[in-house]
Amino acid sequence: MKNKTIAAWLAFVGGPLGLHRFYLHGLGDLPGWLLPVPTALGVYGLQRVQQWGQDDQLSWALIPLLGFTIAGCALRAIVYGLMPAEKWNARFNPAAAPDAPPGRTHWFTVFAIGLSLLVGTTVLMASIAFSFQRYFEYQIEEARKISQ
C-alpha cells in the first residue's frame, strides 16, 4: 500500500534524488534514476560560483537546473497531496478500496503541501531571477566591449 502522505514528503524532501519515484514505482523507474542528473549539475554550478565567483558563465546556466528540479519536485508533492483518495488508491493501490486509509489526506499531508508551495515557489523565483540577472549583466558587459 502506497501512502499519499509519505509520497508527498518524499517528493518534497528527497525529490531531487528521485526518492518519491522509487517509493511509488520501484527501483526500475527510469525517471527516478534520471532526476539526480540535473540535481548534480546544479550543485556543480554552485561549486563553480564558490570557486570562480558569479562571473562564471557556466554556473549561471547550471544553477537553474537545481532550482527547477527542486521546484518541480515540490510541485509533484503538491499534486500528490491534493490528489483525491479515490484517484490515489485507483492509481497506486489498485487492490484497495477507493476510500482506503493510505489515500486519505491528513494534517501531515497538508503540512507537506504548504511547505512545498513555500519552498518550491521561493526556489523557482530565485533561480529565474539569478539566471536573468546574470544573463542581462553579461549582455551589458558585451555591449560595453563593442562600444569601446
N, C-alpha and C. Protein backbone atom coordinates (compact mmCIF):
# COMPACT_ATOMS: atom_id res chain seq x y z
N MET A 1 0.84 -1.18 0.00
CA MET A 1 0.00 0.00 0.00
C MET A 1 0.89 1.25 0.00
N LYS A 2 0.68 2.10 -0.97
CA LYS A 2 1.44 3.34 -1.10
C LYS A 2 0.68 4.47 -0.41
N ASN A 3 1.34 5.11 0.54
CA ASN A 3 0.72 6.15 1.35
C ASN A 3 0.93 7.51 0.69
N LYS A 4 -0.15 8.27 0.56
CA LYS A 4 -0.09 9.58 -0.08
C LYS A 4 0.76 10.56 0.71
N THR A 5 0.66 10.54 2.02
CA THR A 5 1.43 11.46 2.85
C THR A 5 2.93 11.18 2.73
N ILE A 6 3.30 9.91 2.76
CA ILE A 6 4.71 9.56 2.61
C ILE A 6 5.23 9.97 1.25
N ALA A 7 4.45 9.75 0.21
CA ALA A 7 4.86 10.12 -1.14
C ALA A 7 5.04 11.63 -1.26
N ALA A 8 4.15 12.41 -0.66
CA ALA A 8 4.27 13.87 -0.71
C ALA A 8 5.53 14.35 0.01
N TRP A 9 5.80 13.78 1.17
CA TRP A 9 7.01 14.18 1.90
C TRP A 9 8.27 13.73 1.17
N LEU A 10 8.26 12.55 0.59
CA LEU A 10 9.43 12.10 -0.17
C LEU A 10 9.67 12.98 -1.40
N ALA A 11 8.60 13.41 -2.05
CA ALA A 11 8.75 14.30 -3.20
C ALA A 11 9.32 15.65 -2.76
N PHE A 12 8.89 16.12 -1.60
CA PHE A 12 9.37 17.42 -1.12
C PHE A 12 10.81 17.34 -0.62
N VAL A 13 11.11 16.35 0.21
CA VAL A 13 12.43 16.26 0.85
C VAL A 13 13.46 15.59 -0.05
N GLY A 14 13.10 14.48 -0.66
CA GLY A 14 14.07 13.72 -1.45
C GLY A 14 13.76 13.67 -2.93
N GLY A 15 12.89 14.55 -3.38
CA GLY A 15 12.50 14.56 -4.79
C GLY A 15 13.65 14.72 -5.77
N PRO A 16 14.57 15.66 -5.53
CA PRO A 16 15.67 15.81 -6.47
C PRO A 16 16.57 14.58 -6.59
N LEU A 17 16.44 13.65 -5.67
CA LEU A 17 17.18 12.39 -5.77
C LEU A 17 16.30 11.26 -6.29
N GLY A 18 15.04 11.53 -6.55
CA GLY A 18 14.14 10.54 -7.10
C GLY A 18 13.50 9.62 -6.09
N LEU A 19 13.57 9.94 -4.82
CA LEU A 19 13.07 9.03 -3.78
C LEU A 19 11.58 8.76 -3.90
N HIS A 20 10.80 9.78 -4.26
CA HIS A 20 9.36 9.56 -4.40
C HIS A 20 9.05 8.64 -5.57
N ARG A 21 9.84 8.72 -6.63
CA ARG A 21 9.64 7.85 -7.79
C ARG A 21 9.95 6.39 -7.41
N PHE A 22 11.02 6.20 -6.65
CA PHE A 22 11.37 4.84 -6.23
C PHE A 22 10.32 4.27 -5.28
N TYR A 23 9.77 5.13 -4.42
CA TYR A 23 8.74 4.67 -3.49
C TYR A 23 7.49 4.23 -4.24
N LEU A 24 7.09 4.99 -5.25
CA LEU A 24 5.84 4.71 -5.94
C LEU A 24 5.99 3.70 -7.08
N HIS A 25 7.12 3.69 -7.76
CA HIS A 25 7.26 2.87 -8.96
C HIS A 25 8.35 1.81 -8.87
N GLY A 26 9.10 1.78 -7.80
CA GLY A 26 10.14 0.78 -7.64
C GLY A 26 11.49 1.25 -8.15
N LEU A 27 12.51 0.45 -7.92
CA LEU A 27 13.87 0.82 -8.29
C LEU A 27 14.13 0.76 -9.79
N GLY A 28 13.23 0.19 -10.56
CA GLY A 28 13.40 0.12 -12.01
C GLY A 28 12.87 1.34 -12.74
N ASP A 29 12.49 2.40 -12.03
CA ASP A 29 11.90 3.59 -12.63
C ASP A 29 12.99 4.48 -13.24
N LEU A 30 12.98 4.64 -14.56
CA LEU A 30 14.00 5.42 -15.26
C LEU A 30 13.97 6.90 -14.87
N PRO A 31 12.80 7.57 -14.83
CA PRO A 31 12.83 8.98 -14.39
C PRO A 31 13.40 9.16 -12.98
N GLY A 32 13.18 8.19 -12.12
CA GLY A 32 13.76 8.25 -10.78
C GLY A 32 15.27 8.24 -10.82
N TRP A 33 15.85 7.46 -11.73
CA TRP A 33 17.30 7.41 -11.87
C TRP A 33 17.85 8.63 -12.59
N LEU A 34 17.03 9.30 -13.40
CA LEU A 34 17.50 10.49 -14.13
C LEU A 34 17.38 11.78 -13.32
N LEU A 35 16.54 11.81 -12.31
CA LEU A 35 16.38 13.02 -11.51
C LEU A 35 17.66 13.52 -10.84
N PRO A 36 18.56 12.66 -10.37
CA PRO A 36 19.79 13.18 -9.76
C PRO A 36 20.74 13.87 -10.75
N VAL A 37 20.55 13.67 -12.05
CA VAL A 37 21.47 14.28 -13.02
C VAL A 37 21.37 15.81 -13.00
N PRO A 38 20.18 16.42 -13.20
CA PRO A 38 20.14 17.88 -13.12
C PRO A 38 20.44 18.40 -11.72
N THR A 39 20.14 17.60 -10.71
CA THR A 39 20.47 18.00 -9.35
C THR A 39 21.98 18.10 -9.18
N ALA A 40 22.70 17.10 -9.66
CA ALA A 40 24.16 17.11 -9.55
C ALA A 40 24.77 18.23 -10.38
N LEU A 41 24.23 18.48 -11.57
CA LEU A 41 24.74 19.58 -12.40
C LEU A 41 24.51 20.92 -11.71
N GLY A 42 23.37 21.10 -11.08
CA GLY A 42 23.10 22.34 -10.35
C GLY A 42 24.02 22.52 -9.16
N VAL A 43 24.30 21.44 -8.44
CA VAL A 43 25.24 21.51 -7.32
C VAL A 43 26.63 21.84 -7.84
N TYR A 44 27.01 21.29 -8.99
CA TYR A 44 28.29 21.62 -9.61
C TYR A 44 28.34 23.12 -9.97
N GLY A 45 27.21 23.66 -10.44
CA GLY A 45 27.15 25.08 -10.72
C GLY A 45 27.35 25.92 -9.46
N LEU A 46 26.78 25.49 -8.34
CA LEU A 46 27.00 26.19 -7.07
C LEU A 46 28.47 26.14 -6.66
N GLN A 47 29.10 25.00 -6.87
CA GLN A 47 30.52 24.88 -6.54
C GLN A 47 31.38 25.79 -7.42
N ARG A 48 30.99 25.92 -8.69
CA ARG A 48 31.72 26.82 -9.60
C ARG A 48 31.59 28.28 -9.16
N VAL A 49 30.42 28.65 -8.67
CA VAL A 49 30.25 30.02 -8.17
C VAL A 49 31.14 30.26 -6.97
N GLN A 50 31.21 29.29 -6.08
CA GLN A 50 32.07 29.44 -4.90
C GLN A 50 33.54 29.51 -5.29
N GLN A 51 33.92 28.79 -6.32
CA GLN A 51 35.32 28.74 -6.72
C GLN A 51 35.71 29.93 -7.59
N TRP A 52 34.89 30.29 -8.59
CA TRP A 52 35.27 31.31 -9.55
C TRP A 52 34.43 32.58 -9.48
N GLY A 53 33.44 32.63 -8.62
CA GLY A 53 32.63 33.83 -8.47
C GLY A 53 31.43 33.83 -9.39
N GLN A 54 30.65 34.89 -9.28
CA GLN A 54 29.40 34.97 -10.03
C GLN A 54 29.60 35.28 -11.51
N ASP A 55 30.79 35.62 -11.92
CA ASP A 55 31.02 35.92 -13.33
C ASP A 55 31.22 34.68 -14.18
N ASP A 56 31.22 33.53 -13.58
CA ASP A 56 31.36 32.28 -14.33
C ASP A 56 30.09 32.00 -15.12
N GLN A 57 30.20 31.99 -16.45
CA GLN A 57 29.03 31.84 -17.30
C GLN A 57 28.40 30.46 -17.20
N LEU A 58 29.21 29.44 -17.04
CA LEU A 58 28.66 28.09 -16.94
C LEU A 58 27.82 27.93 -15.67
N SER A 59 28.23 28.58 -14.60
CA SER A 59 27.48 28.44 -13.35
C SER A 59 26.08 29.03 -13.46
N TRP A 60 25.93 30.17 -14.17
CA TRP A 60 24.58 30.71 -14.26
C TRP A 60 23.72 29.96 -15.25
N ALA A 61 24.31 29.02 -15.95
CA ALA A 61 23.50 28.11 -16.76
C ALA A 61 23.16 26.82 -16.00
N LEU A 62 24.03 26.43 -15.06
CA LEU A 62 23.83 25.18 -14.33
C LEU A 62 22.97 25.33 -13.07
N ILE A 63 23.10 26.45 -12.38
CA ILE A 63 22.37 26.64 -11.12
C ILE A 63 20.86 26.52 -11.29
N PRO A 64 20.27 27.08 -12.36
CA PRO A 64 18.81 26.91 -12.51
C PRO A 64 18.36 25.46 -12.65
N LEU A 65 19.24 24.58 -13.11
CA LEU A 65 18.85 23.17 -13.18
C LEU A 65 18.49 22.64 -11.80
N LEU A 66 19.27 23.01 -10.81
CA LEU A 66 18.98 22.60 -9.44
C LEU A 66 17.67 23.23 -8.96
N GLY A 67 17.51 24.52 -9.23
CA GLY A 67 16.30 25.20 -8.80
C GLY A 67 15.05 24.66 -9.46
N PHE A 68 15.12 24.40 -10.77
CA PHE A 68 13.95 23.87 -11.47
C PHE A 68 13.64 22.44 -11.02
N THR A 69 14.66 21.67 -10.70
CA THR A 69 14.42 20.30 -10.21
C THR A 69 13.74 20.34 -8.84
N ILE A 70 14.24 21.19 -7.96
CA ILE A 70 13.62 21.31 -6.63
C ILE A 70 12.18 21.81 -6.76
N ALA A 71 11.97 22.82 -7.61
CA ALA A 71 10.62 23.37 -7.79
C ALA A 71 9.68 22.33 -8.41
N GLY A 72 10.18 21.56 -9.37
CA GLY A 72 9.36 20.52 -9.99
C GLY A 72 8.97 19.44 -9.00
N CYS A 73 9.90 19.07 -8.14
CA CYS A 73 9.59 18.05 -7.13
C CYS A 73 8.63 18.60 -6.07
N ALA A 74 8.75 19.88 -5.76
CA ALA A 74 7.80 20.50 -4.84
C ALA A 74 6.40 20.51 -5.47
N LEU A 75 6.33 20.79 -6.76
CA LEU A 75 5.05 20.73 -7.46
C LEU A 75 4.49 19.32 -7.45
N ARG A 76 5.33 18.34 -7.63
CA ARG A 76 4.88 16.95 -7.59
C ARG A 76 4.34 16.61 -6.20
N ALA A 77 4.97 17.11 -5.14
CA ALA A 77 4.47 16.89 -3.78
C ALA A 77 3.09 17.51 -3.61
N ILE A 78 2.88 18.69 -4.20
CA ILE A 78 1.58 19.34 -4.12
C ILE A 78 0.54 18.51 -4.86
N VAL A 79 0.90 18.02 -6.05
CA VAL A 79 -0.03 17.20 -6.83
C VAL A 79 -0.40 15.93 -6.06
N TYR A 80 0.60 15.27 -5.48
CA TYR A 80 0.32 14.07 -4.69
C TYR A 80 -0.60 14.39 -3.52
N GLY A 81 -0.29 15.47 -2.81
CA GLY A 81 -1.05 15.81 -1.62
C GLY A 81 -2.49 16.20 -1.91
N LEU A 82 -2.73 16.82 -3.05
CA LEU A 82 -4.08 17.27 -3.39
C LEU A 82 -4.90 16.23 -4.16
N MET A 83 -4.28 15.11 -4.50
CA MET A 83 -4.99 14.07 -5.25
C MET A 83 -6.08 13.45 -4.36
N PRO A 84 -7.31 13.34 -4.88
CA PRO A 84 -8.37 12.70 -4.08
C PRO A 84 -8.03 11.25 -3.74
N ALA A 85 -8.55 10.79 -2.61
CA ALA A 85 -8.24 9.44 -2.14
C ALA A 85 -8.64 8.38 -3.17
N GLU A 86 -9.78 8.58 -3.82
CA GLU A 86 -10.24 7.60 -4.81
C GLU A 86 -9.26 7.49 -5.98
N LYS A 87 -8.80 8.63 -6.45
CA LYS A 87 -7.86 8.63 -7.57
C LYS A 87 -6.50 8.07 -7.14
N TRP A 88 -6.06 8.44 -5.93
CA TRP A 88 -4.79 7.93 -5.42
C TRP A 88 -4.81 6.41 -5.31
N ASN A 89 -5.84 5.89 -4.69
CA ASN A 89 -5.92 4.44 -4.50
C ASN A 89 -6.12 3.71 -5.82
N ALA A 90 -6.85 4.31 -6.76
CA ALA A 90 -7.01 3.66 -8.06
C ALA A 90 -5.69 3.60 -8.82
N ARG A 91 -4.86 4.61 -8.63
CA ARG A 91 -3.59 4.65 -9.37
C ARG A 91 -2.47 3.88 -8.69
N PHE A 92 -2.32 4.05 -7.38
CA PHE A 92 -1.17 3.47 -6.69
C PHE A 92 -1.52 2.28 -5.80
N ASN A 93 -2.79 2.09 -5.47
CA ASN A 93 -3.23 0.96 -4.66
C ASN A 93 -4.46 0.33 -5.33
N PRO A 94 -4.31 -0.25 -6.51
CA PRO A 94 -5.48 -0.72 -7.25
C PRO A 94 -6.25 -1.85 -6.55
N ALA A 95 -5.60 -2.61 -5.68
CA ALA A 95 -6.29 -3.71 -5.00
C ALA A 95 -7.08 -3.22 -3.77
N ALA A 96 -6.85 -1.98 -3.37
CA ALA A 96 -7.51 -1.46 -2.16
C ALA A 96 -8.86 -0.84 -2.52
N ALA A 97 -9.66 -0.62 -1.50
CA ALA A 97 -10.94 0.05 -1.68
C ALA A 97 -10.70 1.51 -2.05
N PRO A 98 -11.61 2.14 -2.77
CA PRO A 98 -11.40 3.54 -3.18
C PRO A 98 -11.18 4.52 -2.03
N ASP A 99 -11.73 4.24 -0.88
CA ASP A 99 -11.55 5.14 0.26
C ASP A 99 -10.60 4.56 1.32
N ALA A 100 -9.65 3.75 0.91
CA ALA A 100 -8.70 3.13 1.83
C ALA A 100 -7.85 4.20 2.52
N PRO A 101 -7.44 3.96 3.76
CA PRO A 101 -6.68 4.95 4.52
C PRO A 101 -5.39 5.46 3.86
N PRO A 102 -4.61 4.67 3.10
CA PRO A 102 -3.38 5.23 2.52
C PRO A 102 -3.60 6.39 1.56
N GLY A 103 -4.78 6.53 1.02
CA GLY A 103 -5.05 7.62 0.09
C GLY A 103 -5.67 8.84 0.73
N ARG A 104 -5.92 8.78 2.01
CA ARG A 104 -6.58 9.90 2.69
C ARG A 104 -5.58 11.02 2.99
N THR A 105 -6.14 12.21 3.09
CA THR A 105 -5.34 13.39 3.42
C THR A 105 -5.37 13.62 4.93
N HIS A 106 -4.18 13.81 5.51
CA HIS A 106 -4.04 14.05 6.94
C HIS A 106 -3.36 15.41 7.14
N TRP A 107 -3.18 15.81 8.39
CA TRP A 107 -2.52 17.08 8.66
C TRP A 107 -1.09 17.07 8.17
N PHE A 108 -0.41 15.93 8.26
CA PHE A 108 0.97 15.87 7.77
C PHE A 108 1.01 16.06 6.26
N THR A 109 -0.03 15.64 5.57
CA THR A 109 -0.12 15.86 4.13
C THR A 109 -0.29 17.34 3.85
N VAL A 110 -1.12 18.01 4.62
CA VAL A 110 -1.35 19.44 4.45
C VAL A 110 -0.06 20.21 4.71
N PHE A 111 0.71 19.82 5.73
CA PHE A 111 1.99 20.48 6.00
C PHE A 111 2.97 20.26 4.84
N ALA A 112 2.98 19.08 4.26
CA ALA A 112 3.84 18.83 3.09
C ALA A 112 3.44 19.71 1.92
N ILE A 113 2.14 19.88 1.71
CA ILE A 113 1.66 20.74 0.63
C ILE A 113 2.08 22.19 0.88
N GLY A 114 1.86 22.67 2.10
CA GLY A 114 2.21 24.05 2.43
C GLY A 114 3.69 24.34 2.30
N LEU A 115 4.52 23.47 2.85
CA LEU A 115 5.97 23.67 2.75
C LEU A 115 6.46 23.55 1.30
N SER A 116 5.87 22.64 0.56
CA SER A 116 6.25 22.50 -0.85
C SER A 116 5.91 23.76 -1.63
N LEU A 117 4.76 24.32 -1.35
CA LEU A 117 4.36 25.55 -2.02
C LEU A 117 5.30 26.69 -1.67
N LEU A 118 5.62 26.82 -0.40
CA LEU A 118 6.51 27.89 0.05
C LEU A 118 7.92 27.74 -0.52
N VAL A 119 8.52 26.59 -0.32
CA VAL A 119 9.90 26.38 -0.74
C VAL A 119 10.00 26.31 -2.27
N GLY A 120 9.08 25.60 -2.90
CA GLY A 120 9.13 25.46 -4.36
C GLY A 120 9.02 26.79 -5.07
N THR A 121 8.10 27.65 -4.61
CA THR A 121 7.94 28.97 -5.22
C THR A 121 9.18 29.82 -4.99
N THR A 122 9.72 29.80 -3.81
CA THR A 122 10.91 30.58 -3.50
C THR A 122 12.10 30.16 -4.34
N VAL A 123 12.32 28.87 -4.44
CA VAL A 123 13.45 28.37 -5.22
C VAL A 123 13.27 28.66 -6.70
N LEU A 124 12.07 28.50 -7.21
CA LEU A 124 11.82 28.78 -8.62
C LEU A 124 12.06 30.25 -8.94
N MET A 125 11.52 31.14 -8.14
CA MET A 125 11.71 32.57 -8.39
C MET A 125 13.17 32.98 -8.24
N ALA A 126 13.86 32.43 -7.26
CA ALA A 126 15.28 32.75 -7.08
C ALA A 126 16.10 32.25 -8.26
N SER A 127 15.79 31.08 -8.78
CA SER A 127 16.52 30.54 -9.93
C SER A 127 16.31 31.40 -11.17
N ILE A 128 15.07 31.78 -11.40
CA ILE A 128 14.77 32.62 -12.57
C ILE A 128 15.45 33.99 -12.42
N ALA A 129 15.36 34.58 -11.24
CA ALA A 129 15.96 35.90 -11.03
C ALA A 129 17.48 35.84 -11.21
N PHE A 130 18.13 34.82 -10.65
CA PHE A 130 19.58 34.70 -10.78
C PHE A 130 19.99 34.55 -12.24
N SER A 131 19.30 33.69 -12.96
CA SER A 131 19.65 33.45 -14.36
C SER A 131 19.47 34.69 -15.21
N PHE A 132 18.32 35.34 -15.09
CA PHE A 132 18.08 36.53 -15.89
C PHE A 132 19.02 37.67 -15.53
N GLN A 133 19.29 37.83 -14.24
CA GLN A 133 20.20 38.89 -13.82
C GLN A 133 21.59 38.68 -14.42
N ARG A 134 22.09 37.47 -14.29
CA ARG A 134 23.44 37.19 -14.83
C ARG A 134 23.45 37.30 -16.35
N TYR A 135 22.40 36.86 -17.02
CA TYR A 135 22.34 36.95 -18.48
C TYR A 135 22.36 38.40 -18.94
N PHE A 136 21.53 39.24 -18.32
CA PHE A 136 21.47 40.64 -18.74
C PHE A 136 22.73 41.40 -18.38
N GLU A 137 23.34 41.08 -17.25
CA GLU A 137 24.63 41.70 -16.92
C GLU A 137 25.69 41.30 -17.94
N TYR A 138 25.67 40.08 -18.37
CA TYR A 138 26.61 39.62 -19.39
C TYR A 138 26.36 40.37 -20.70
N GLN A 139 25.11 40.56 -21.07
CA GLN A 139 24.79 41.30 -22.30
C GLN A 139 25.27 42.74 -22.21
N ILE A 140 25.13 43.37 -21.06
CA ILE A 140 25.60 44.75 -20.89
C ILE A 140 27.12 44.81 -20.99
N GLU A 141 27.81 43.85 -20.39
CA GLU A 141 29.28 43.81 -20.47
C GLU A 141 29.74 43.65 -21.91
N GLU A 142 29.08 42.78 -22.66
CA GLU A 142 29.45 42.58 -24.06
C GLU A 142 29.14 43.82 -24.89
N ALA A 143 28.06 44.51 -24.59
CA ALA A 143 27.74 45.74 -25.32
C ALA A 143 28.76 46.83 -25.03
N ARG A 144 29.24 46.89 -23.80
CA ARG A 144 30.28 47.86 -23.46
C ARG A 144 31.58 47.56 -24.20
N LYS A 145 31.92 46.29 -24.33
CA LYS A 145 33.13 45.91 -25.07
C LYS A 145 33.02 46.33 -26.53
N ILE A 146 31.85 46.17 -27.10
CA ILE A 146 31.65 46.51 -28.51
C ILE A 146 31.69 48.03 -28.70
N SER A 147 31.13 48.80 -27.76
CA SER A 147 31.04 50.24 -27.92
C SER A 147 32.37 50.95 -27.68
N GLN A 148 33.33 50.27 -27.08
CA GLN A 148 34.62 50.93 -26.79
C GLN A 148 35.61 50.70 -27.85
